[in-house]
Amino acid sequence: MTRKLVSVSDMSRQWWDKLYSQCCDIIARPEVYSDSCRGKLFASMFYEPSTRTNFSFQAAAQRLGAGVFGFSDPLGTSASKGETLADTIRMTASYSDTIVIRSPQEGAATAAALYSEVPVINAGDGGHHHPTQTLTDLATIAQKRGKIEHLRIGICGDLKHGRTVHSLVDAMRMFEGISFCLISPKELRMPEYILEKMGTQGQQFDESESLADRIPELDILYMTRVQRERFHDAAEYRRLKDVYILTKKMLEGAKPDMLVMHPLPRYGEITTDVDTDPRAAYFEQARYGMFIRMSLLLEFLHQPRLAPAPVSAGQTAKECSNPACITQSDFYLPKLVSELGADRCGYCDKKFPKMTI
């Protein structure tokens, strides 16, 4: 039984099929599930702003009859006084049946799962992973196209910082006949560790800087915004933020059944005239997110409390030089190595700096 959803690597095809089958039944017969989680509580820990993910989880819980508590601003919590993430997780787990956490720090959900007695769901950790958005994306594709296989998927925009597309690419390893066109300026191309993993898994992809030239070949166009909050240089953000803008006219050469998807929010990269095009799926995508999260909560809220495996104390993970990594602030965390290799941090998947003599 899956007790955490920290990255898409926690998912199997069998688990996805079960989750989606249940999601379809929830859509068809919502009244059957209205009291299925009565008496259960999930904790919503949002250290970073959110609309769709936060609201859809809360709506999902209430439609299942579960309660919700938590915060959407860490300044109102003891984190502002210096409480460690580990202590906050221990405390929150003592009150809840499942924890949903979003953080600007990469690897925060991995760290949370080390200390929690209840299941942990990653609602986004910096520019790293966003597995529940991927569940939303998969549910949308399955609902709109009937199946997920033999698709040419174009992913366009900020692929460097886009945690939603990092998780989506990883999830597509479970399905046959998927190929990607990765569309971005060179400054925002997919991270090297993601490309390496795609190659290792035998996923087919090519890279391009042109959106207009590639639209005719696509079955799905997944647009993303350029993520201002991940930039350290405001001038660089302004230079790149409008590099891709999808308009109604650009869709004239697209396949009639192509889906236009977006995790939202948008900041001008899809013009409003696209909203009325029958291929625009992004608002339906948000609604499917509620249903698939209902299915996920139904799986997690009924799981027993289990003491986490002992965590080694006194070790550090300072070897990671990624300034966005959770280890840069929570020095007590045990050193972990990534499933991608012993030369990578187990929290953020970035390579450790080379040792100099």
Protein backbone atom coordinates (compact mmCIF):
# COMPACT_ATOMS: atom_id res chain seq x y z
CA MET A 1 0.00 0.00 0.00
CA THR A 2 1.36 3.41 -0.98
CA ARG A 3 1.74 5.57 2.15
CA LYS A 4 3.20 8.66 0.53
CA LEU A 5 3.02 10.56 -2.72
CA VAL A 6 6.18 12.65 -2.70
CA SER A 7 7.13 12.16 -6.34
CA VAL A 8 5.72 10.33 -9.32
CA SER A 9 8.29 7.62 -8.61
CA ASP A 10 5.99 6.55 -5.76
CA MET A 11 3.37 5.60 -8.37
CA SER A 12 3.01 2.37 -10.32
CA ARG A 13 0.78 1.71 -13.30
CA GLN A 14 -1.32 -0.68 -11.21
CA TRP A 15 -1.79 1.96 -8.52
CA TRP A 16 -2.73 4.59 -11.11
CA ASP A 17 -5.28 2.29 -12.74
CA LYS A 18 -6.91 1.63 -9.36
CA LEU A 19 -6.93 5.31 -8.43
CA TYR A 20 -8.38 6.41 -11.77
CA SER A 21 -11.05 3.68 -11.77
CA GLN A 22 -12.17 4.94 -8.38
CA CYS A 23 -12.06 8.53 -9.66
CA CYS A 24 -14.41 7.59 -12.52
CA ASP A 25 -16.84 6.03 -10.07
CA ILE A 26 -16.73 9.16 -7.91
CA ILE A 27 -17.59 11.28 -10.98
CA ALA A 28 -20.46 8.96 -11.89
CA ARG A 29 -21.84 8.41 -8.37
CA PRO A 30 -20.70 11.24 -6.07
CA GLU A 31 -23.51 10.62 -3.59
CA VAL A 32 -22.08 7.17 -2.75
CA TYR A 33 -18.91 8.79 -1.42
CA SER A 34 -20.36 11.77 0.46
CA ASP A 35 -19.80 10.19 3.90
CA SER A 36 -16.93 7.85 3.04
CA CYS A 37 -14.37 9.81 5.11
CA ARG A 38 -16.63 11.09 7.88
CA GLY A 39 -14.59 11.58 11.07
CA LYS A 40 -11.27 11.82 9.21
CA LEU A 41 -9.07 14.93 9.11
CA PHE A 42 -6.41 16.06 6.70
CA ALA A 43 -3.85 18.75 7.50
CA SER A 44 -3.22 21.38 4.82
CA MET A 45 0.27 22.87 5.23
CA PHE A 46 0.82 25.49 2.52
CA TYR A 47 4.09 27.38 2.95
CA GLU A 48 3.62 28.82 -0.56
CA PRO A 49 0.61 30.44 -2.29
CA SER A 50 -1.92 28.23 -4.06
CA THR A 51 -5.43 28.48 -5.46
CA ARG A 52 -6.31 25.33 -7.42
CA THR A 53 -4.29 22.79 -5.43
CA ASN A 54 -5.34 24.17 -2.04
CA PHE A 55 -9.00 24.70 -2.95
CA SER A 56 -9.36 21.39 -4.77
CA PHE A 57 -7.95 19.44 -1.83
CA GLN A 58 -10.30 21.23 0.57
CA ALA A 59 -13.28 20.69 -1.74
CA ALA A 60 -12.29 17.04 -2.20
CA ALA A 61 -12.14 16.46 1.56
CA GLN A 62 -15.47 18.14 2.22
CA ARG A 63 -17.19 16.19 -0.58
CA LEU A 64 -15.97 13.02 1.14
CA GLY A 65 -17.24 14.19 4.52
CA ALA A 66 -13.74 14.74 5.94
CA GLY A 67 -12.56 17.75 7.92
CA VAL A 68 -9.69 20.08 7.09
CA PHE A 69 -7.38 22.22 9.18
CA GLY A 70 -4.13 23.98 8.41
CA PHE A 71 -2.59 27.18 7.14
CA SER A 72 -1.89 29.00 3.90
CA ASP A 73 0.60 31.47 5.39
CA PRO A 74 3.51 30.17 7.50
CA LEU A 75 3.89 33.60 9.14
CA GLY A 76 0.91 32.67 11.28
CA THR A 77 2.59 29.50 12.56
CA SER A 78 5.49 28.60 14.82
CA ALA A 79 7.64 28.23 11.72
CA SER A 80 8.01 32.01 11.94
CA LYS A 81 9.54 31.49 15.40
CA GLY A 82 12.08 29.02 14.08
CA GLU A 83 10.30 25.70 14.61
CA THR A 84 11.86 23.00 12.45
CA LEU A 85 9.91 21.25 9.73
CA ALA A 86 10.42 17.94 11.54
CA ASP A 87 8.78 19.23 14.73
CA THR A 88 5.93 20.85 12.80
CA ILE A 89 5.29 17.56 11.00
CA ARG A 90 5.36 15.52 14.21
CA MET A 91 2.85 17.88 15.81
CA THR A 92 0.59 18.08 12.76
CA ALA A 93 0.60 14.30 12.30
CA SER A 94 -0.60 13.87 15.87
CA TYR A 95 -3.83 15.72 14.99
CA SER A 96 -4.51 14.43 11.47
CA ASP A 97 -4.94 11.34 9.29
CA THR A 98 -3.06 12.67 6.23
CA ILE A 99 -0.77 15.65 5.63
CA VAL A 100 -0.73 17.68 2.41
CA ILE A 101 2.31 19.96 2.18
CA ARG A 102 3.42 22.63 -0.29
CA SER A 103 6.75 24.37 0.15
CA PRO A 104 9.09 26.59 -1.88
CA GLN A 105 11.96 24.35 -0.70
CA GLU A 106 12.84 21.39 -2.89
CA GLY A 107 12.73 18.12 -0.99
CA ALA A 108 10.48 19.44 1.79
CA ALA A 109 7.93 16.66 1.24
CA THR A 110 10.67 14.03 1.30
CA ALA A 111 11.83 15.43 4.63
CA ALA A 112 8.27 15.55 5.96
CA ALA A 113 7.70 11.88 5.17
CA LEU A 114 10.70 10.95 7.32
CA TYR A 115 8.96 12.22 10.47
CA SER A 116 5.25 11.61 9.89
CA GLU A 117 3.08 8.85 11.39
CA VAL A 118 0.43 9.49 8.72
CA PRO A 119 0.60 9.54 4.91
CA VAL A 120 2.22 12.59 3.29
CA ILE A 121 1.17 14.11 -0.03
CA ASN A 122 3.44 16.52 -1.88
CA ALA A 123 1.41 19.48 -3.19
CA GLY A 124 4.51 21.01 -4.80
CA ASP A 125 8.09 21.48 -3.57
CA GLY A 126 9.78 24.44 -5.23
CA GLY A 127 10.68 23.74 -8.85
CA HIS A 128 11.05 20.02 -8.16
CA HIS A 129 7.88 17.85 -8.13
CA HIS A 130 4.10 18.25 -8.19
CA PRO A 131 2.67 14.71 -8.34
CA THR A 132 -0.97 15.56 -7.62
CA GLN A 133 -1.00 17.98 -10.56
CA THR A 134 0.22 15.05 -12.63
CA LEU A 135 -2.69 12.95 -11.36
CA THR A 136 -4.91 15.80 -12.52
CA ASP A 137 -3.23 15.85 -15.94
CA LEU A 138 -3.51 12.10 -16.40
CA ALA A 139 -7.18 12.11 -15.39
CA THR A 140 -7.87 14.93 -17.85
CA ILE A 141 -6.17 13.15 -20.75
CA ALA A 142 -7.93 9.87 -19.94
CA GLN A 143 -11.33 11.59 -19.69
CA LYS A 144 -10.93 13.68 -22.84
CA ARG A 145 -9.19 11.13 -25.09
CA GLY A 146 -10.41 7.85 -23.61
CA LYS A 147 -6.93 6.45 -23.01
CA ILE A 148 -3.34 7.49 -22.40
CA GLU A 149 -1.11 6.00 -25.06
CA HIS A 150 0.45 6.75 -28.46
CA LEU A 151 0.48 10.51 -27.94
CA ARG A 152 2.78 13.26 -29.15
CA ILE A 153 2.97 15.75 -26.27
CA GLY A 154 4.38 19.23 -26.61
CA ILE A 155 5.46 20.88 -23.35
CA CYS A 156 6.06 24.59 -23.76
CA GLY A 157 7.44 27.38 -21.59
CA ASP A 158 9.45 27.30 -18.39
CA LEU A 159 10.67 23.71 -18.33
CA LYS A 160 13.57 24.53 -16.00
CA HIS A 161 11.44 25.54 -13.01
CA GLY A 162 8.16 23.83 -13.97
CA ARG A 163 7.59 21.18 -11.30
CA THR A 164 4.33 20.18 -13.00
CA VAL A 165 6.10 19.15 -16.21
CA HIS A 166 8.92 17.41 -14.34
CA SER A 167 6.33 15.13 -12.74
CA LEU A 168 4.28 14.74 -15.94
CA VAL A 169 7.28 13.54 -17.95
CA ASP A 170 8.17 11.04 -15.25
CA ALA A 171 4.61 9.67 -15.09
CA MET A 172 4.41 9.06 -18.82
CA ARG A 173 6.96 6.25 -18.46
CA MET A 174 3.97 4.08 -17.48
CA PHE A 175 2.23 4.40 -20.85
CA GLU A 176 3.03 3.09 -24.32
CA GLY A 177 3.87 5.15 -27.38
CA ILE A 178 4.45 8.51 -25.71
CA SER A 179 6.86 11.01 -27.24
CA PHE A 180 7.65 14.56 -26.20
CA CYS A 181 8.56 17.78 -27.92
CA LEU A 182 10.19 19.98 -25.27
CA ILE A 183 9.71 23.61 -26.34
CA SER A 184 11.62 26.31 -24.48
CA PRO A 185 14.35 28.91 -24.85
CA LYS A 186 17.76 27.51 -23.99
CA GLU A 187 17.74 29.38 -20.66
CA LEU A 188 14.60 27.52 -19.55
CA ARG A 189 15.22 24.05 -20.99
CA MET A 190 14.38 20.91 -19.06
CA PRO A 191 16.89 20.22 -16.25
CA GLU A 192 19.74 17.91 -17.13
CA TYR A 193 18.78 15.33 -14.49
CA ILE A 194 15.27 15.03 -15.99
CA LEU A 195 16.69 14.57 -19.50
CA GLU A 196 19.09 11.94 -18.18
CA LYS A 197 16.23 10.07 -16.53
CA MET A 198 14.14 10.23 -19.70
CA GLY A 199 17.03 8.72 -21.62
CA THR A 200 17.56 5.98 -19.05
CA GLN A 201 13.86 5.11 -19.17
CA GLY A 202 13.87 4.99 -22.96
CA GLN A 203 11.46 7.90 -23.36
CA GLN A 204 11.37 9.52 -26.79
CA PHE A 205 11.88 13.29 -26.93
CA ASP A 206 13.35 16.14 -28.89
CA GLU A 207 13.90 19.79 -28.04
CA SER A 208 12.84 22.91 -29.92
CA GLU A 209 12.69 26.68 -29.45
CA SER A 210 9.73 27.15 -31.82
CA LEU A 211 6.12 26.71 -30.69
CA ALA A 212 4.44 27.69 -33.96
CA ASP A 213 6.45 25.20 -36.02
CA ARG A 214 5.61 22.25 -33.79
CA ILE A 215 1.88 22.73 -33.12
CA PRO A 216 0.66 20.75 -36.18
CA GLU A 217 2.32 17.51 -35.00
CA LEU A 218 0.95 17.54 -31.44
CA ASP A 219 -1.86 15.57 -29.80
CA ILE A 220 -1.49 17.56 -26.58
CA LEU A 221 -0.03 21.01 -26.04
CA TYR A 222 0.86 21.57 -22.39
CA MET A 223 1.55 25.26 -21.82
CA THR A 224 3.31 26.59 -18.71
CA ARG A 225 3.99 30.04 -17.35
CA VAL A 226 7.45 31.49 -16.81
CA GLN A 227 7.74 31.29 -13.03
CA ARG A 228 8.66 34.71 -11.72
CA GLU A 229 9.08 33.46 -8.13
CA ARG A 230 11.94 31.13 -9.15
CA PHE A 231 14.06 33.88 -10.75
CA HIS A 232 16.83 35.68 -8.88
CA ASP A 233 17.27 38.22 -11.69
CA ALA A 234 14.19 40.36 -12.38
CA ALA A 235 15.59 41.57 -15.70
CA GLU A 236 16.05 37.98 -16.88
CA TYR A 237 12.43 37.21 -15.98
CA ARG A 238 11.14 40.24 -17.91
CA ARG A 239 13.19 39.22 -20.94
CA LEU A 240 11.77 35.69 -21.00
CA LYS A 241 8.24 35.97 -19.62
CA ASP A 242 6.48 36.56 -22.97
CA VAL A 243 8.62 34.31 -25.14
CA TYR A 244 5.63 32.04 -25.93
CA ILE A 245 2.05 33.27 -26.29
CA LEU A 246 -0.58 30.89 -27.65
CA THR A 247 -3.34 32.61 -29.63
CA LYS A 248 -6.51 31.41 -31.34
CA LYS A 249 -4.92 32.01 -34.74
CA MET A 250 -1.99 29.74 -33.91
CA LEU A 251 -4.44 26.85 -33.44
CA GLU A 252 -5.59 26.99 -37.06
CA GLY A 253 -2.96 24.47 -38.06
CA ALA A 254 -3.42 22.21 -35.05
CA LYS A 255 -5.15 18.82 -35.07
CA PRO A 256 -8.92 19.17 -34.50
CA ASP A 257 -8.75 16.90 -31.44
CA MET A 258 -5.57 18.33 -29.92
CA LEU A 259 -5.91 19.22 -26.23
CA VAL A 260 -4.59 22.52 -24.89
CA MET A 261 -3.68 22.02 -21.24
CA HIS A 262 -2.20 24.28 -18.56
CA PRO A 263 -1.73 23.71 -14.81
CA LEU A 264 -2.69 27.37 -14.22
CA PRO A 265 -2.43 30.17 -13.21
CA ARG A 266 -1.65 31.78 -16.55
CA TYR A 267 0.05 35.13 -17.03
CA GLY A 268 -0.65 35.86 -20.67
CA GLU A 269 0.91 32.77 -22.25
CA ILE A 270 -2.56 31.71 -23.43
CA THR A 271 -4.73 34.54 -24.74
CA THR A 272 -8.36 34.63 -23.63
CA ASP A 273 -9.64 34.04 -27.18
CA VAL A 274 -8.38 30.45 -26.87
CA ASP A 275 -10.81 29.82 -23.98
CA THR A 276 -13.76 29.28 -26.32
CA ASP A 277 -11.89 26.84 -28.57
CA PRO A 278 -13.21 23.28 -28.04
CA ARG A 279 -9.61 22.09 -27.69
CA ALA A 280 -9.04 24.24 -24.59
CA ALA A 281 -9.13 21.85 -21.62
CA TYR A 282 -7.47 23.79 -18.81
CA PHE A 283 -10.59 24.75 -16.83
CA GLU A 284 -11.97 21.20 -17.09
CA GLN A 285 -8.49 20.09 -16.03
CA ALA A 286 -8.91 22.01 -12.77
CA ARG A 287 -12.24 20.31 -12.09
CA TYR A 288 -10.84 16.83 -12.76
CA GLY A 289 -8.18 17.70 -10.19
CA MET A 290 -10.81 17.74 -7.47
CA PHE A 291 -12.14 14.31 -8.41
CA ILE A 292 -8.75 12.61 -8.61
CA ARG A 293 -7.75 14.17 -5.28
CA MET A 294 -10.97 12.77 -3.79
CA SER A 295 -9.80 9.35 -4.93
CA LEU A 296 -6.33 9.96 -3.46
CA LEU A 297 -7.68 11.12 -0.09
CA LEU A 298 -10.00 8.13 0.02
CA GLU A 299 -6.92 5.91 -0.28
CA PHE A 300 -4.81 7.76 2.31
CA LEU A 301 -7.23 8.94 5.02
CA HIS A 302 -8.17 5.39 6.05
CA GLN A 303 -4.62 4.14 6.46
CA PRO A 304 -3.39 3.24 9.98
CA ARG A 305 -0.96 5.37 11.91
CA LEU A 306 2.55 3.93 11.70
CA ALA A 307 5.66 5.12 13.46
CA PRO A 308 8.19 6.27 10.86
CA ALA A 309 11.45 4.41 10.53
CA PRO A 310 14.16 5.80 12.84
CA VAL A 311 15.91 8.85 11.42
CA SER A 312 19.61 9.23 12.10
CA ALA A 313 20.38 12.35 14.12
CA GLY A 314 23.39 14.62 14.02
CA GLN A 315 24.29 14.01 10.37
CA THR A 316 24.17 16.83 7.85
CA ALA A 317 23.32 17.13 4.20
CA LYS A 318 25.26 20.34 3.65
CA GLU A 319 27.05 18.72 0.74
CA CYS A 320 24.13 19.79 -1.46
CA SER A 321 24.84 23.23 -2.92
CA ASN A 322 21.35 23.86 -4.33
CA PRO A 323 20.16 27.04 -2.53
CA ALA A 324 16.52 25.93 -2.91
CA CYS A 325 17.09 22.54 -1.21
CA ILE A 326 15.51 21.88 2.20
CA THR A 327 18.92 20.82 3.50
CA GLN A 328 20.16 24.40 3.25
CA SER A 329 17.92 25.44 6.15
CA ASP A 330 17.24 22.17 8.02
CA PHE A 331 20.78 21.07 8.82
CA TYR A 332 19.64 18.22 11.10
CA LEU A 333 18.30 16.18 8.18
CA PRO A 334 20.07 12.88 7.48
CA LYS A 335 22.10 12.68 4.32
CA LEU A 336 20.14 10.96 1.55
CA VAL A 337 21.20 10.09 -1.96
CA SER A 338 18.89 10.19 -4.96
CA GLU A 339 17.47 7.17 -6.76
CA LEU A 340 19.08 8.76 -9.82
CA GLY A 341 22.55 8.10 -8.41
CA ALA A 342 24.78 8.40 -5.35
CA ASP A 343 26.23 11.63 -6.72
CA ARG A 344 22.88 13.41 -6.29
CA CYS A 345 21.03 14.79 -3.30
CA GLY A 346 18.17 12.58 -2.12
CA TYR A 347 15.99 15.62 -1.41
CA CYS A 348 16.32 17.78 -4.55
CA ASP A 349 18.06 15.38 -7.04
CA LYS A 350 20.75 17.96 -7.85
CA LYS A 351 24.34 16.78 -8.18
CA PHE A 352 26.59 17.23 -5.16
CA PRO A 353 29.46 19.64 -5.83
CA LYS A 354 32.69 17.96 -6.81
CA MET A 355 35.23 17.64 -4.06
CA THR A 356 38.42 19.63 -4.54
CA ILE A 357 41.78 18.66 -3.11
